[in-house]
Protein backbone atom coordinates (compact mmCIF):
# COMPACT_ATOMS: atom_id res chain seq x y z
CA MET A 1 2.54 97.03 171.39
CA LYS A 2 0.51 94.72 169.05
CA ALA A 3 1.24 92.61 165.86
CA ILE A 4 -1.11 92.24 162.75
CA ILE A 5 -0.81 89.59 160.56
CA LEU A 6 -1.71 90.15 156.88
CA ALA A 7 -3.97 87.08 155.42
CA ALA A 8 -6.35 88.07 153.14
CA GLY A 9 -5.01 87.23 150.12
CA ARG A 10 -5.60 83.76 148.03
CA GLY A 11 -1.95 82.96 147.03
CA SER A 12 -2.95 82.40 143.57
CA ARG A 13 0.48 81.88 142.20
CA MET A 14 0.28 78.77 144.24
CA ALA A 15 -2.53 77.36 141.68
CA SER A 16 -4.46 74.42 143.08
CA GLY A 17 -2.54 74.55 146.44
CA THR A 18 -4.75 77.30 147.50
CA ALA A 19 -7.98 76.41 145.65
CA ASP A 20 -9.56 75.36 149.30
CA LYS A 21 -7.18 77.21 151.72
CA PRO A 22 -5.72 80.48 152.37
CA LYS A 23 -1.88 80.39 151.51
CA CYS A 24 -0.87 81.01 155.45
CA LEU A 25 -2.65 77.52 156.05
CA MET A 26 0.15 75.65 153.72
CA LYS A 27 2.76 73.80 155.34
CA LEU A 28 6.48 74.49 156.13
CA TRP A 29 8.52 72.04 157.77
CA GLY A 30 5.27 70.46 159.55
CA LYS A 31 3.71 73.54 160.47
CA THR A 32 1.60 76.27 158.73
CA LEU A 33 2.93 79.41 157.66
CA LEU A 34 0.89 81.06 159.81
CA ALA A 35 1.88 79.02 162.97
CA HIS A 36 5.35 80.15 162.00
CA SER A 37 4.32 83.39 162.26
CA LEU A 38 2.53 83.08 165.41
CA ASP A 39 5.51 80.97 166.74
CA ALA A 40 7.96 83.87 166.32
CA LEU A 41 5.71 86.64 167.49
CA GLN A 42 5.39 84.55 170.74
CA GLU A 43 8.74 83.89 171.29
CA VAL A 44 9.78 87.51 171.54
CA GLY A 45 6.82 88.28 174.00
CA PHE A 46 3.57 88.49 172.21
CA THR A 47 0.48 87.05 173.53
CA LEU A 48 -2.57 85.96 171.45
CA ALA A 49 -4.40 88.89 172.83
CA ASP A 50 -1.95 91.25 171.29
CA ILE A 51 -1.95 89.74 167.67
CA SER A 52 -4.45 90.31 165.02
CA ILE A 53 -5.00 88.78 161.93
CA VAL A 54 -6.54 90.57 158.57
CA THR A 55 -8.50 88.06 156.99
CA GLY A 56 -10.30 87.84 153.43
CA TYR A 57 -10.32 84.67 151.35
CA ARG A 58 -11.94 81.52 153.09
CA ASN A 59 -11.56 83.66 155.88
CA LYS A 60 -13.84 81.00 158.32
CA MET A 61 -10.81 78.77 157.88
CA ILE A 62 -8.31 80.49 160.10
CA GLN A 63 -9.21 80.43 163.48
CA VAL A 64 -7.04 80.92 166.29
CA PRO A 65 -8.62 80.93 170.20
CA GLY A 66 -8.14 84.50 171.39
CA MET A 67 -7.01 86.42 168.79
CA ARG A 68 -8.61 89.55 167.22
CA TYR A 69 -9.57 89.34 163.74
CA PHE A 70 -10.03 92.23 161.13
CA HIS A 71 -11.64 91.25 157.67
CA ASN A 72 -11.16 92.48 154.16
CA THR A 73 -14.65 92.09 152.63
CA ASP A 74 -13.14 92.94 149.20
CA TRP A 75 -9.84 91.44 148.97
CA GLU A 76 -10.24 89.71 146.00
CA ASN A 77 -10.19 93.63 144.36
CA THR A 78 -7.93 95.18 146.93
CA ASN A 79 -4.30 95.04 148.04
CA MET A 80 -2.51 94.54 150.97
CA PHE A 81 -2.43 98.45 151.99
CA VAL A 82 -6.61 98.19 151.71
CA SER A 83 -6.04 94.81 153.99
CA LEU A 84 -3.59 96.82 156.49
CA CYS A 85 -6.01 99.58 156.61
CA GLN A 86 -8.80 97.30 158.36
CA ALA A 87 -6.91 97.10 161.46
CA ALA A 88 -6.21 100.88 161.26
CA GLU A 89 -7.73 101.33 164.80
CA TRP A 90 -4.59 99.55 166.21
CA LEU A 91 -1.88 101.19 164.14
CA ARG A 92 -3.55 104.51 165.07
CA SER A 93 -3.57 103.89 168.98
CA GLU A 94 -0.23 102.00 169.67
CA THR A 95 2.91 100.63 167.69
CA CYS A 96 2.37 97.64 165.39
CA ILE A 97 4.57 95.09 164.27
CA VAL A 98 3.00 94.20 160.70
CA THR A 99 4.01 90.90 158.98
CA TYR A 100 2.95 88.94 155.86
CA SER A 101 1.44 85.79 156.82
CA ASP A 102 3.13 83.87 154.14
CA ILE A 103 6.48 84.19 155.03
CA VAL A 104 8.90 82.62 157.69
CA TYR A 105 11.53 84.65 159.63
CA SER A 106 13.73 84.43 162.69
CA PRO A 107 12.63 85.89 166.02
CA ASN A 108 15.41 88.30 165.69
CA ALA A 109 14.02 90.23 162.79
CA ILE A 110 11.14 91.15 165.10
CA LYS A 111 13.56 92.03 167.65
CA ALA A 112 15.24 94.28 165.25
CA LEU A 113 12.17 96.19 164.51
CA MET A 114 11.57 96.30 168.48
CA SER A 115 14.68 98.43 168.81
CA ALA A 116 13.85 100.46 166.05
CA ASP A 117 14.39 104.37 166.82
CA SER A 118 11.94 105.61 164.41
CA ALA A 119 8.37 106.39 163.39
CA LEU A 120 8.41 103.49 160.84
CA ALA A 121 10.84 100.93 160.07
CA ILE A 122 11.15 98.04 157.47
CA THR A 123 13.29 94.88 157.43
CA TYR A 124 15.05 93.91 154.46
CA TYR A 125 17.44 91.11 153.39
CA THR A 126 20.79 91.78 151.59
CA GLY A 127 21.90 88.14 150.70
CA PHE A 128 18.75 87.61 148.50
CA TRP A 129 20.43 87.69 145.09
CA GLU A 130 21.99 84.24 145.53
CA LEU A 131 18.77 82.95 146.28
CA TRP A 132 17.06 84.35 143.46
CA GLN A 133 19.76 83.18 141.04
CA ARG A 134 18.96 79.87 142.26
CA ARG A 135 15.02 80.35 141.57
CA PHE A 136 15.24 82.10 138.27
CA ILE A 137 16.97 82.23 135.07
CA ASN A 138 16.79 86.13 135.20
CA PRO A 139 16.45 87.45 139.04
CA LEU A 140 15.43 90.82 137.71
CA ASP A 141 12.22 89.40 136.07
CA ASP A 142 11.05 88.69 139.55
CA LEU A 143 12.69 91.22 142.06
CA GLU A 144 11.42 94.71 142.63
CA THR A 145 13.66 97.97 143.06
CA PHE A 146 14.84 98.71 146.68
CA LYS A 147 16.87 101.42 147.50
CA GLN A 148 18.23 102.96 150.60
CA ASN A 149 20.49 106.60 150.82
CA ASP A 150 21.88 107.30 154.64
CA GLY A 151 19.56 104.57 156.06
CA LYS A 152 16.23 105.71 154.70
CA LEU A 153 14.26 103.63 152.12
CA VAL A 154 13.96 106.09 148.95
CA GLU A 155 12.57 103.64 146.34
CA ILE A 156 10.81 100.03 146.55
CA GLY A 157 8.55 98.34 144.22
CA ASN A 158 9.52 99.55 140.90
CA LYS A 159 10.85 97.37 137.83
CA PRO A 160 14.67 97.08 138.60
CA ILE A 161 16.78 97.91 135.26
CA ASN A 162 20.12 96.20 136.95
CA GLN A 163 21.33 94.42 140.02
CA ASP A 164 22.18 97.94 141.67
CA ASP A 165 18.57 98.70 141.90
CA VAL A 166 18.11 96.19 144.08
CA GLN A 167 20.00 96.90 147.34
CA GLY A 168 18.15 94.46 149.73
CA GLN A 169 15.12 92.28 149.86
CA TYR A 170 11.69 93.33 151.36
CA MET A 171 11.19 90.99 153.91
CA GLY A 172 7.51 91.38 154.75
CA LEU A 173 7.88 92.92 158.12
CA LEU A 174 7.37 96.72 159.35
CA TRP A 175 7.14 98.77 162.25
CA PHE A 176 4.71 101.78 162.77
CA THR A 177 4.64 103.57 165.61
CA PRO A 178 0.95 106.04 165.83
CA HIS A 179 2.90 108.72 164.37
CA GLY A 180 4.51 106.52 161.47
CA TRP A 181 1.17 105.25 160.75
CA ASN A 182 -0.44 108.90 160.45
CA LYS A 183 2.49 109.87 158.24
């Protein structure tokens, strides 16, 4: 099993905070967001040789000895899917955990994905509404739809009309088997 960390974007919403470094190198609780991801992955058994980072913006600043890198040369004009496709050789050959580089999560979230009995799986958080109410006057201005039916994701990423359109908040963690990636 492999892990792919998506770290190609700048994080422009962070304005001057990412003017001279990628968002994944910003610090939270005394260590970089990237270090939080690496720690969580290593806690569940991944080694640095099992982990790759897809870089883009200021890629030379992201240096972790012993790690494989993929690079999105057109990071400024593309999206996360294009960045993920840079690591397609890994996704085609073995099961992969995919994580955004700018999130902090418990190793238990990775363990839940690792126990998935599915070709692809996604983590989500149902306790998001209270957090978004603290962050935004109208949480629906920032949220995206997330709808499931019988344990299957049926809609994600659209503009919600009401709270019922958001049954969970995507956490930025995915599970792909090679079959799931081919789908």
